[in-house]
Amino acid sequence: MRRDRLALVFSLLFGLLVVMALAAPLYAEHVANTTPDKQNLTGTVVVDGEEVDIVTPDGIPVGPTWGSEYLLGADINGRDVAVRLLYAARNSMFIGLTGALITTLLAIVFGIVAGYYRGPVDWIISRAMDVLWAVPVLLLGVALGVALTLGGVRIGPLTLDAGSLWIPALIIGVVSVVYLARPLRGEILQLREQEFVEAARAQGASGPRIMFSELLPNVMSTVLVFFPLLFANAVLLEASLSFLGAGVQPPDASWGTMIDEGINVLITQPALTIAPGIMLVLCVLSLNVVGESVRKAIDPRARVMLEQ
C-alpha cells in the first residue's frame, strides 16, 4: 500500500478527520468557550471591530467570522457551527464504525454458517438475505429508525434510550449485513470442499471449530477489503437517516442533522450546509480510496500492476 500515493494521501486525510473529531472537546473548551448544545440567541460577537448580533431579529445567524470565537458562524439557534461540526464528526464516525463492526460480525456468522452447513440452514439464511436485499436500504432504515427512536430498544438487560447513538448504529449494522454475508457465503461454499477442511473433519474437528478456526482465516482478506467500504456506506447512510429525522436525534449533532438544519437558511448562510457536506464527502471518499487500495494490496494481479 505504501506504493499507492493516492491512498496514502487519503489515509492521511482520514486520519486528520479522526484527529479533528477527537479534539472536539479541546476546541470547544479552550478556543470557542462553548458547548455544542449551548444556544446564544441574544448574544453578540465582534466582526471587523463592529459588534453584531449572533442571530439577528429576523432569525439570520452570523456567518463565518475569522479571528473570532465563531469561526464558521452560528446556526439559527445561536450555536457555534465549528464546535457542532467537530462533535458531529465524532457522532457520525462512531455510528459508522460501530455499524460497520456490527455488519461485519453478523455477516461473518451468517455467511460462514450458511455456506458450511448448506441444506435447510443455508436456505433459511439465504431467503432472509433475499428479503433484506429486496427492500431498499434507506426505506428500511427509515422505518426501523422511526420505530426505534420513538420507543427506544431493550436487548436483554440493556436498554437504549430513544436518543441513543447506538440505535442508528444498530439499524445500519443490520440493514447492511447482506452486502458482506453473500460474498462470504460464496467463498465458504468453495472452501468447504478443500482438502484442509476434509483433513480437519478426519481429525474429528467439530463444525464450529472448522468454521472459525479453518475457514474464517481464509476469508479474512475479503473482510478486510469490504470493511472500509462498509464504514463509508455506514457514514453515508447515517447522514441520510439523520437528514430524514430517523437517525441522530436533536440536540445531538451529526453531519446529516447539520445539513438538515442548514437547508432552511441555505441562501443566507450556505456555510451551515456546505461545511458538513464537505466533511461528509471527504470522509466517505477517503474510506473508499483506502478500501480500493486494500483490495489492490491483497489481490495478487492488482499488486503486480501496481508494482509495474
Protein backbone atom coordinates (compact mmCIF):
# COMPACT_ATOMS: atom_id res chain seq x y z
CA MET A 1 0.00 0.00 0.00
CA ARG A 2 2.98 2.33 0.50
CA ARG A 3 3.42 2.41 -3.28
CA ASP A 4 -0.09 3.80 -3.75
CA ARG A 5 0.49 7.51 -3.17
CA LEU A 6 -3.14 8.45 -3.70
CA ALA A 7 -4.20 6.02 -0.98
CA LEU A 8 -1.56 7.43 1.36
CA VAL A 9 -2.84 10.95 0.81
CA PHE A 10 -6.42 9.96 1.55
CA SER A 11 -5.31 7.86 4.52
CA LEU A 12 -3.65 10.95 5.97
CA LEU A 13 -6.78 12.95 5.20
CA PHE A 14 -8.97 10.47 7.02
CA GLY A 15 -6.52 10.44 9.93
CA LEU A 16 -6.81 14.23 10.07
CA LEU A 17 -10.60 13.96 10.23
CA VAL A 18 -10.31 11.49 13.09
CA VAL A 19 -7.92 13.77 14.99
CA MET A 20 -10.27 16.72 14.48
CA ALA A 21 -13.18 14.68 15.81
CA LEU A 22 -11.22 13.53 18.86
CA ALA A 23 -10.11 17.11 19.54
CA ALA A 24 -13.67 18.44 19.59
CA PRO A 25 -13.85 18.86 23.41
CA LEU A 26 -10.50 20.67 23.45
CA TYR A 27 -11.59 23.11 20.75
CA ALA A 28 -14.95 23.72 22.40
CA GLU A 29 -13.46 24.36 25.85
CA HIS A 30 -10.25 26.22 25.10
CA VAL A 31 -10.94 28.01 21.79
CA ALA A 32 -14.68 28.52 21.31
CA ASN A 33 -15.50 28.60 25.03
CA THR A 34 -18.86 26.94 24.48
CA THR A 35 -20.55 23.56 24.08
CA PRO A 36 -22.21 22.00 21.03
CA ASP A 37 -25.70 22.47 22.51
CA LYS A 38 -25.32 25.93 24.07
CA GLN A 39 -27.73 28.39 22.46
CA ASN A 40 -26.97 32.10 22.28
CA LEU A 41 -29.86 33.83 20.54
CA THR A 42 -29.37 37.23 22.20
CA GLY A 43 -25.56 37.42 22.30
CA THR A 44 -23.22 39.45 20.14
CA VAL A 45 -19.83 38.90 18.52
CA VAL A 46 -17.22 41.35 17.26
CA VAL A 47 -16.69 41.22 13.49
CA ASP A 48 -14.12 43.59 11.95
CA GLY A 49 -14.23 45.76 15.06
CA GLU A 50 -18.02 46.02 15.00
CA GLU A 51 -20.36 44.32 17.43
CA VAL A 52 -23.09 42.34 15.64
CA ASP A 53 -25.88 40.02 16.74
CA ILE A 54 -25.14 36.31 16.67
CA VAL A 55 -28.72 35.84 15.45
CA THR A 56 -30.48 38.89 14.03
CA PRO A 57 -34.08 39.70 14.97
CA ASP A 58 -35.03 38.33 11.54
CA GLY A 59 -33.56 34.96 12.51
CA ILE A 60 -30.45 35.16 10.31
CA PRO A 61 -27.34 33.79 12.06
CA VAL A 62 -23.92 35.34 11.78
CA GLY A 63 -21.68 33.88 9.09
CA PRO A 64 -18.05 32.76 9.30
CA THR A 65 -16.06 35.28 11.32
CA TRP A 66 -12.32 34.73 11.04
CA GLY A 67 -10.41 35.67 14.15
CA SER A 68 -13.41 35.39 16.48
CA GLU A 69 -14.87 32.56 18.53
CA TYR A 70 -17.48 31.80 15.85
CA LEU A 71 -15.03 30.57 13.22
CA LEU A 72 -17.71 29.08 10.95
CA GLY A 73 -20.52 31.26 12.21
CA ALA A 74 -23.63 30.24 14.14
CA ASP A 75 -26.78 28.30 13.35
CA ILE A 76 -30.36 29.54 13.71
CA ASN A 77 -30.25 28.78 17.44
CA GLY A 78 -27.01 30.69 18.04
CA ARG A 79 -24.88 27.58 18.45
CA ASP A 80 -21.26 27.54 17.27
CA VAL A 81 -21.14 25.76 13.90
CA ALA A 82 -17.45 24.80 14.16
CA VAL A 83 -17.97 23.17 17.55
CA ARG A 84 -21.05 21.30 16.34
CA LEU A 85 -19.21 20.25 13.19
CA LEU A 86 -16.44 18.59 15.21
CA TYR A 87 -18.90 16.90 17.56
CA ALA A 88 -20.93 15.81 14.54
CA ALA A 89 -17.77 14.18 13.18
CA ARG A 90 -17.41 12.25 16.45
CA ASN A 91 -21.01 11.05 16.33
CA SER A 92 -21.05 10.23 12.61
CA MET A 93 -17.76 8.32 12.76
CA PHE A 94 -18.81 6.48 15.93
CA ILE A 95 -22.06 5.38 14.33
CA GLY A 96 -20.32 4.48 11.08
CA LEU A 97 -17.59 2.45 12.78
CA THR A 98 -20.00 0.71 15.16
CA GLY A 99 -22.44 -0.03 12.35
CA ALA A 100 -19.65 -1.46 10.17
CA LEU A 101 -18.45 -3.67 13.04
CA ILE A 102 -21.98 -4.96 13.68
CA THR A 103 -22.42 -5.65 9.97
CA THR A 104 -19.10 -7.48 9.82
CA LEU A 105 -19.78 -9.68 12.84
CA LEU A 106 -23.29 -10.62 11.70
CA ALA A 107 -22.14 -11.23 8.12
CA ILE A 108 -19.28 -13.48 9.26
CA VAL A 109 -21.63 -15.60 11.37
CA PHE A 110 -24.43 -15.86 8.80
CA GLY A 111 -22.15 -16.24 5.80
CA ILE A 112 -19.98 -18.96 7.32
CA VAL A 113 -22.88 -20.90 8.88
CA ALA A 114 -24.93 -20.79 5.65
CA GLY A 115 -22.01 -21.79 3.45
CA TYR A 116 -20.73 -24.56 5.69
CA TYR A 117 -23.95 -26.33 6.67
CA ARG A 118 -25.83 -25.74 3.40
CA GLY A 119 -29.21 -27.51 3.20
CA PRO A 120 -32.11 -26.10 5.27
CA VAL A 121 -29.84 -23.80 7.27
CA ASP A 122 -28.47 -22.23 4.10
CA TRP A 123 -31.99 -21.95 2.63
CA ILE A 124 -33.38 -20.11 5.66
CA ILE A 125 -30.47 -17.68 5.89
CA SER A 126 -30.37 -17.10 2.13
CA ARG A 127 -34.11 -16.38 1.96
CA ALA A 128 -33.76 -13.91 4.84
CA MET A 129 -30.93 -12.22 2.96
CA ASP A 130 -33.10 -12.12 -0.18
CA VAL A 131 -35.88 -10.36 1.72
CA LEU A 132 -33.39 -7.89 3.18
CA TRP A 133 -31.89 -7.33 -0.26
CA ALA A 134 -35.31 -6.75 -1.85
CA VAL A 135 -36.20 -3.86 0.48
CA PRO A 136 -34.45 -0.53 -0.26
CA VAL A 137 -31.87 0.03 2.46
CA LEU A 138 -32.80 3.65 3.06
CA LEU A 139 -36.53 2.87 3.26
CA LEU A 140 -35.90 0.02 5.69
CA GLY A 141 -33.55 2.18 7.73
CA VAL A 142 -36.10 4.99 7.97
CA ALA A 143 -38.85 2.57 9.03
CA LEU A 144 -36.69 0.99 11.72
CA GLY A 145 -35.30 4.36 12.78
CA VAL A 146 -38.72 5.91 13.30
CA ALA A 147 -39.97 2.87 15.20
CA LEU A 148 -36.95 2.51 17.47
CA THR A 149 -36.22 6.17 18.14
CA LEU A 150 -39.76 6.68 19.39
CA GLY A 151 -39.76 3.86 21.93
CA GLY A 152 -36.12 3.01 22.49
CA VAL A 153 -34.67 -0.50 22.39
CA ARG A 154 -34.37 -3.19 25.02
CA ILE A 155 -31.91 -6.04 24.40
CA GLY A 156 -31.96 -8.32 27.44
CA PRO A 157 -30.78 -6.28 30.41
CA LEU A 158 -29.55 -3.48 28.12
CA THR A 159 -31.94 -0.59 27.48
CA LEU A 160 -31.21 2.05 24.83
CA ASP A 161 -32.99 5.37 25.18
CA ALA A 162 -34.77 6.91 22.21
CA GLY A 163 -31.92 9.36 21.56
CA SER A 164 -29.06 6.88 21.94
CA LEU A 165 -26.41 6.83 19.21
CA TRP A 166 -26.40 3.05 19.44
CA ILE A 167 -29.86 2.87 17.83
CA PRO A 168 -28.85 4.22 14.38
CA ALA A 169 -25.63 2.20 14.62
CA LEU A 170 -27.64 -0.96 15.28
CA ILE A 171 -30.05 -0.20 12.44
CA ILE A 172 -27.24 0.43 9.96
CA GLY A 173 -25.41 -2.69 11.10
CA VAL A 174 -28.47 -4.87 10.48
CA VAL A 175 -29.68 -3.46 7.16
CA SER A 176 -26.19 -3.64 5.61
CA VAL A 177 -25.36 -7.21 6.58
CA VAL A 178 -26.35 -8.64 3.20
CA TYR A 179 -23.54 -6.75 1.42
CA LEU A 180 -20.88 -8.89 3.10
CA ALA A 181 -22.80 -12.04 4.03
CA ARG A 182 -23.43 -13.06 0.42
CA PRO A 183 -19.80 -12.87 -0.77
CA LEU A 184 -18.63 -14.73 2.34
CA ARG A 185 -21.21 -17.48 1.80
CA GLY A 186 -20.00 -17.94 -1.77
CA GLU A 187 -16.37 -18.27 -0.67
CA ILE A 188 -17.25 -20.71 2.12
CA LEU A 189 -19.16 -22.93 -0.33
CA GLN A 190 -15.92 -23.31 -2.29
CA LEU A 191 -13.57 -23.60 0.68
CA ARG A 192 -15.58 -26.28 2.48
CA GLU A 193 -14.68 -28.75 -0.29
CA GLN A 194 -10.95 -28.13 0.00
CA GLU A 195 -8.55 -30.76 1.32
CA PHE A 196 -7.62 -28.90 4.51
CA VAL A 197 -11.30 -28.95 5.56
CA GLU A 198 -11.54 -32.67 4.82
CA ALA A 199 -8.38 -33.21 6.88
CA ALA A 200 -9.88 -31.29 9.80
CA ARG A 201 -13.03 -33.42 9.63
CA ALA A 202 -10.92 -36.59 9.53
CA GLN A 203 -9.18 -35.47 12.71
CA GLY A 204 -12.53 -35.14 14.45
CA ALA A 205 -12.86 -31.36 14.45
CA SER A 206 -16.37 -30.09 15.17
CA GLY A 207 -18.36 -27.89 12.82
CA PRO A 208 -17.87 -24.65 14.80
CA ARG A 209 -14.14 -25.32 15.11
CA ILE A 210 -13.80 -25.88 11.37
CA MET A 211 -15.83 -22.76 10.58
CA PHE A 212 -13.98 -20.36 12.83
CA SER A 213 -10.51 -21.94 13.01
CA GLU A 214 -10.10 -23.23 9.45
CA LEU A 215 -12.49 -21.31 7.21
CA LEU A 216 -12.61 -17.87 8.83
CA PRO A 217 -8.87 -17.13 8.42
CA ASN A 218 -9.21 -17.90 4.70
CA VAL A 219 -11.92 -15.28 4.15
CA MET A 220 -10.38 -12.52 6.26
CA SER A 221 -8.90 -10.91 3.16
CA THR A 222 -12.44 -10.40 1.85
CA VAL A 223 -13.49 -8.96 5.21
CA LEU A 224 -10.54 -6.54 5.19
CA VAL A 225 -11.40 -5.35 1.68
CA PHE A 226 -15.07 -4.82 2.50
CA PHE A 227 -14.67 -3.18 5.90
CA PRO A 228 -13.56 0.32 4.75
CA LEU A 229 -16.38 0.27 2.19
CA LEU A 230 -18.89 -0.78 4.84
CA PHE A 231 -17.57 2.01 7.07
CA ALA A 232 -18.04 4.57 4.29
CA ASN A 233 -21.50 3.24 3.47
CA ALA A 234 -22.49 3.38 7.15
CA VAL A 235 -21.38 7.01 7.48
CA LEU A 236 -23.32 7.94 4.35
CA LEU A 237 -26.40 6.01 5.46
CA GLU A 238 -26.28 7.63 8.90
CA ALA A 239 -26.22 11.06 7.29
CA SER A 240 -29.22 10.12 5.14
CA LEU A 241 -31.21 8.77 8.08
CA SER A 242 -30.37 11.79 10.25
CA PHE A 243 -31.31 14.16 7.42
CA LEU A 244 -34.69 12.44 7.22
CA GLY A 245 -35.16 12.55 11.01
CA ALA A 246 -34.72 8.81 11.61
CA GLY A 247 -31.08 8.81 12.76
CA VAL A 248 -29.34 11.01 15.32
CA GLN A 249 -31.90 12.95 17.32
CA PRO A 250 -31.60 16.60 18.45
CA PRO A 251 -29.86 18.13 20.28
CA ASP A 252 -27.06 15.70 19.30
CA ALA A 253 -25.25 16.72 16.14
CA SER A 254 -24.26 14.69 13.12
CA TRP A 255 -23.37 15.70 9.59
CA GLY A 256 -26.85 14.69 8.45
CA THR A 257 -28.68 16.72 11.10
CA MET A 258 -26.49 19.76 10.41
CA ILE A 259 -27.24 19.59 6.68
CA ASP A 260 -30.94 19.35 7.51
CA GLU A 261 -30.77 22.34 9.87
CA GLY A 262 -28.86 24.42 7.32
CA ILE A 263 -31.33 23.83 4.48
CA ASN A 264 -33.69 26.47 5.87
CA VAL A 265 -31.02 29.21 5.60
CA LEU A 266 -29.16 27.85 2.58
CA ILE A 267 -29.37 31.13 0.68
CA THR A 268 -28.36 33.47 3.50
CA GLN A 269 -25.85 31.21 5.29
CA PRO A 270 -24.70 28.43 2.92
CA ALA A 271 -21.81 27.50 5.25
CA LEU A 272 -24.27 25.76 7.57
CA THR A 273 -24.91 23.15 4.87
CA ILE A 274 -21.67 23.26 2.87
CA ALA A 275 -19.33 22.67 5.85
CA PRO A 276 -20.87 19.35 7.00
CA GLY A 277 -21.38 18.36 3.36
CA ILE A 278 -17.68 18.78 2.64
CA MET A 279 -16.72 16.82 5.75
CA LEU A 280 -19.08 14.01 4.74
CA VAL A 281 -17.71 13.86 1.20
CA LEU A 282 -14.09 13.84 2.37
CA CYS A 283 -14.74 11.08 4.91
CA VAL A 284 -16.62 8.81 2.51
CA LEU A 285 -14.20 9.46 -0.36
CA SER A 286 -11.17 8.74 1.86
CA LEU A 287 -12.60 5.44 3.07
CA ASN A 288 -13.47 4.34 -0.46
CA VAL A 289 -9.98 5.13 -1.75
CA VAL A 290 -8.41 3.29 1.20
CA GLY A 291 -10.72 0.32 0.60
CA GLU A 292 -9.72 0.19 -3.05
CA SER A 293 -6.06 0.34 -2.04
CA VAL A 294 -6.54 -2.57 0.36
CA ARG A 295 -8.13 -4.57 -2.46
CA LYS A 296 -5.17 -3.87 -4.73
CA ALA A 297 -2.72 -4.82 -1.98
CA ILE A 298 -4.46 -8.14 -1.34
CA ASP A 299 -5.25 -9.06 -4.96
CA PRO A 300 -2.05 -10.54 -6.47
CA ARG A 301 -2.87 -9.40 -10.03
CA ALA A 302 -3.62 -5.82 -8.95
CA ARG A 303 -0.49 -5.80 -6.79
CA VAL A 304 1.71 -6.79 -9.76
CA MET A 305 0.19 -4.00 -11.89
CA LEU A 306 0.80 -1.50 -9.10
CA GLU A 307 4.43 -2.56 -8.76
CA GLN A 308 4.96 -2.16 -12.51
